[in-house]
Amino acid sequence: RKLVDIEHALSDLEEKYKQANAIIKEKEYLICNLLRS
């Protein structure tokens, strides 16, 4: 495997990680609102 391939794989993982993080934050926010109401 070339270094470029590894860099691409890493940036893909980073994107997925950011998306997952955003979804988790969103769900936490929704759950907190549900619990408060």
PDB file of N, CA and C in Angstrom:
ATOM      1  N   ARG A   1       0.834  -1.216   0.000  1.00  0.00           N
ATOM      2  CA  ARG A   1       0.000   0.000   0.000  1.00  0.00           C
ATOM      3  C   ARG A   1       0.860   1.254   0.000  1.00  0.00           C
ATOM      4  N   LYS A   2       0.461   2.194  -0.805  1.00  0.00           N
ATOM      5  CA  LYS A   2       1.195   3.451  -0.875  1.00  0.00           C
ATOM      6  C   LYS A   2       0.773   4.380   0.252  1.00  0.00           C
ATOM      7  N   LEU A   3       1.642   5.308   0.558  1.00  0.00           N
ATOM      8  CA  LEU A   3       1.362   6.288   1.614  1.00  0.00           C
ATOM      9  C   LEU A   3       0.106   7.094   1.290  1.00  0.00           C
ATOM     10  N   VAL A   4      -0.072   7.406   0.009  1.00  0.00           N
ATOM     11  CA  VAL A   4      -1.237   8.190  -0.417  1.00  0.00           C
ATOM     12  C   VAL A   4      -2.527   7.451  -0.078  1.00  0.00           C
ATOM     13  N   ASP A   5      -2.539   6.136  -0.325  1.00  0.00           N
ATOM     14  CA  ASP A   5      -3.720   5.327  -0.003  1.00  0.00           C
ATOM     15  C   ASP A   5      -4.033   5.400   1.482  1.00  0.00           C
ATOM     16  N   ILE A   6      -2.995   5.312   2.290  1.00  0.00           N
ATOM     17  CA  ILE A   6      -3.176   5.362   3.744  1.00  0.00           C
ATOM     18  C   ILE A   6      -3.737   6.717   4.158  1.00  0.00           C
ATOM     19  N   GLU A   7      -3.209   7.787   3.561  1.00  0.00           N
ATOM     20  CA  GLU A   7      -3.703   9.133   3.871  1.00  0.00           C
ATOM     21  C   GLU A   7      -5.176   9.267   3.497  1.00  0.00           C
ATOM     22  N   HIS A   8      -5.555   8.708   2.359  1.00  0.00           N
ATOM     23  CA  HIS A   8      -6.959   8.750   1.933  1.00  0.00           C
ATOM     24  C   HIS A   8      -7.835   7.992   2.913  1.00  0.00           C
ATOM     25  N   ALA A   9      -7.384   6.811   3.318  1.00  0.00           N
ATOM     26  CA  ALA A   9      -8.148   6.001   4.264  1.00  0.00           C
ATOM     27  C   ALA A   9      -8.321   6.752   5.576  1.00  0.00           C
ATOM     28  N   LEU A  10      -7.262   7.412   6.024  1.00  0.00           N
ATOM     29  CA  LEU A  10      -7.330   8.170   7.274  1.00  0.00           C
ATOM     30  C   LEU A  10      -8.311   9.322   7.181  1.00  0.00           C
ATOM     31  N   SER A  11      -8.299  10.043   6.069  1.00  0.00           N
ATOM     32  CA  SER A  11      -9.221  11.177   5.948  1.00  0.00           C
ATOM     33  C   SER A  11     -10.663  10.685   5.842  1.00  0.00           C
ATOM     34  N   ASP A  12     -10.869   9.524   5.216  1.00  0.00           N
ATOM     35  CA  ASP A  12     -12.206   8.920   5.174  1.00  0.00           C
ATOM     36  C   ASP A  12     -12.677   8.603   6.583  1.00  0.00           C
ATOM     37  N   LEU A  13     -11.803   7.980   7.369  1.00  0.00           N
ATOM     38  CA  LEU A  13     -12.140   7.638   8.751  1.00  0.00           C
ATOM     39  C   LEU A  13     -12.465   8.883   9.550  1.00  0.00           C
ATOM     40  N   GLU A  14     -11.685   9.929   9.336  1.00  0.00           N
ATOM     41  CA  GLU A  14     -11.898  11.182  10.052  1.00  0.00           C
ATOM     42  C   GLU A  14     -13.280  11.747   9.744  1.00  0.00           C
ATOM     43  N   GLU A  15     -13.655  11.703   8.463  1.00  0.00           N
ATOM     44  CA  GLU A  15     -14.979  12.182   8.056  1.00  0.00           C
ATOM     45  C   GLU A  15     -16.078  11.389   8.753  1.00  0.00           C
ATOM     46  N   LYS A  16     -15.950  10.057   8.728  1.00  0.00           N
ATOM     47  CA  LYS A  16     -16.959   9.201   9.361  1.00  0.00           C
ATOM     48  C   LYS A  16     -17.039   9.482  10.851  1.00  0.00           C
ATOM     49  N   TYR A  17     -15.869   9.693  11.483  1.00  0.00           N
ATOM     50  CA  TYR A  17     -15.821   9.981  12.912  1.00  0.00           C
ATOM     51  C   TYR A  17     -16.558  11.277  13.228  1.00  0.00           C
ATOM     52  N   LYS A  18     -16.317  12.302  12.408  1.00  0.00           N
ATOM     53  CA  LYS A  18     -16.981  13.596  12.612  1.00  0.00           C
ATOM     54  C   LYS A  18     -18.490  13.461  12.459  1.00  0.00           C
ATOM     55  N   GLN A  19     -18.919  12.704  11.443  1.00  0.00           N
ATOM     56  CA  GLN A  19     -20.354  12.501  11.223  1.00  0.00           C
ATOM     57  C   GLN A  19     -20.974  11.769  12.403  1.00  0.00           C
ATOM     58  N   ALA A  20     -20.322  10.715  12.863  1.00  0.00           N
ATOM     59  CA  ALA A  20     -20.835   9.943  13.995  1.00  0.00           C
ATOM     60  C   ALA A  20     -20.939  10.829  15.223  1.00  0.00           C
ATOM     61  N   ASN A  21     -19.917  11.639  15.446  1.00  0.00           N
ATOM     62  CA  ASN A  21     -19.912  12.565  16.582  1.00  0.00           C
ATOM     63  C   ASN A  21     -21.086  13.528  16.521  1.00  0.00           C
ATOM     64  N   ALA A  22     -21.336  14.065  15.341  1.00  0.00           N
ATOM     65  CA  ALA A  22     -22.436  15.011  15.159  1.00  0.00           C
ATOM     66  C   ALA A  22     -23.771  14.338  15.457  1.00  0.00           C
ATOM     67  N   ILE A  23     -23.936  13.105  14.984  1.00  0.00           N
ATOM     68  CA  ILE A  23     -25.181  12.367  15.214  1.00  0.00           C
ATOM     69  C   ILE A  23     -25.375  12.095  16.702  1.00  0.00           C
ATOM     70  N   ILE A  24     -24.303  11.708  17.381  1.00  0.00           N
ATOM     71  CA  ILE A  24     -24.387  11.446  18.824  1.00  0.00           C
ATOM     72  C   ILE A  24     -24.785  12.710  19.575  1.00  0.00           C
ATOM     73  N   LYS A  25     -24.158  13.827  19.238  1.00  0.00           N
ATOM     74  CA  LYS A  25     -24.478  15.105  19.890  1.00  0.00           C
ATOM     75  C   LYS A  25     -25.951  15.448  19.684  1.00  0.00           C
ATOM     76  N   GLU A  26     -26.433  15.247  18.454  1.00  0.00           N
ATOM     77  CA  GLU A  26     -27.819  15.528  18.115  1.00  0.00           C
ATOM     78  C   GLU A  26     -28.764  14.685  18.968  1.00  0.00           C
ATOM     79  N   LYS A  27     -28.462  13.387  19.070  1.00  0.00           N
ATOM     80  CA  LYS A  27     -29.313  12.486  19.846  1.00  0.00           C
ATOM     81  C   LYS A  27     -29.279  12.841  21.331  1.00  0.00           C
ATOM     82  N   GLU A  28     -28.099  13.175  21.844  1.00  0.00           N
ATOM     83  CA  GLU A  28     -27.983  13.590  23.248  1.00  0.00           C
ATOM     84  C   GLU A  28     -28.869  14.799  23.505  1.00  0.00           C
ATOM     85  N   TYR A  29     -28.830  15.741  22.590  1.00  0.00           N
ATOM     86  CA  TYR A  29     -29.622  16.964  22.704  1.00  0.00           C
ATOM     87  C   TYR A  29     -31.114  16.633  22.732  1.00  0.00           C
ATOM     88  N   LEU A  30     -31.535  15.772  21.805  1.00  0.00           N
ATOM     89  CA  LEU A  30     -32.944  15.377  21.746  1.00  0.00           C
ATOM     90  C   LEU A  30     -33.372  14.667  23.023  1.00  0.00           C
ATOM     91  N   ILE A  31     -32.542  13.751  23.510  1.00  0.00           N
ATOM     92  CA  ILE A  31     -32.870  12.998  24.726  1.00  0.00           C
ATOM     93  C   ILE A  31     -32.961  13.935  25.926  1.00  0.00           C
ATOM     94  N   CYS A  32     -32.028  14.854  26.037  1.00  0.00           N
ATOM     95  CA  CYS A  32     -32.059  15.824  27.143  1.00  0.00           C
ATOM     96  C   CYS A  32     -33.353  16.623  27.109  1.00  0.00           C
ATOM     97  N   ASN A  33     -33.750  17.052  25.927  1.00  0.00           N
ATOM     98  CA  ASN A  33     -34.993  17.817  25.799  1.00  0.00           C
ATOM     99  C   ASN A  33     -36.199  16.979  26.184  1.00  0.00           C
ATOM    100  N   LEU A  34     -36.195  15.717  25.791  1.00  0.00           N
ATOM    101  CA  LEU A  34     -37.308  14.829  26.135  1.00  0.00           C
ATOM    102  C   LEU A  34     -37.384  14.634  27.645  1.00  0.00           C
ATOM    103  N   LEU A  35     -36.236  14.452  28.271  1.00  0.00           N
ATOM    104  CA  LEU A  35     -36.213  14.223  29.716  1.00  0.00           C
ATOM    105  C   LEU A  35     -36.676  15.453  30.483  1.00  0.00           C
ATOM    106  N   ARG A  36     -36.340  16.633  29.959  1.00  0.00           N
ATOM    107  CA  ARG A  36     -36.702  17.877  30.650  1.00  0.00           C
ATOM    108  C   ARG A  36     -38.198  18.165  30.568  1.00  0.00           C
ATOM    109  N   SER A  37     -38.796  17.831  29.426  1.00  0.00           N
ATOM    110  CA  SER A  37     -40.192  18.199  29.206  1.00  0.00           C
ATOM    111  C   SER A  37     -41.165  17.361  30.042  1.00  0.00           C
TER     112      SER A  37
END
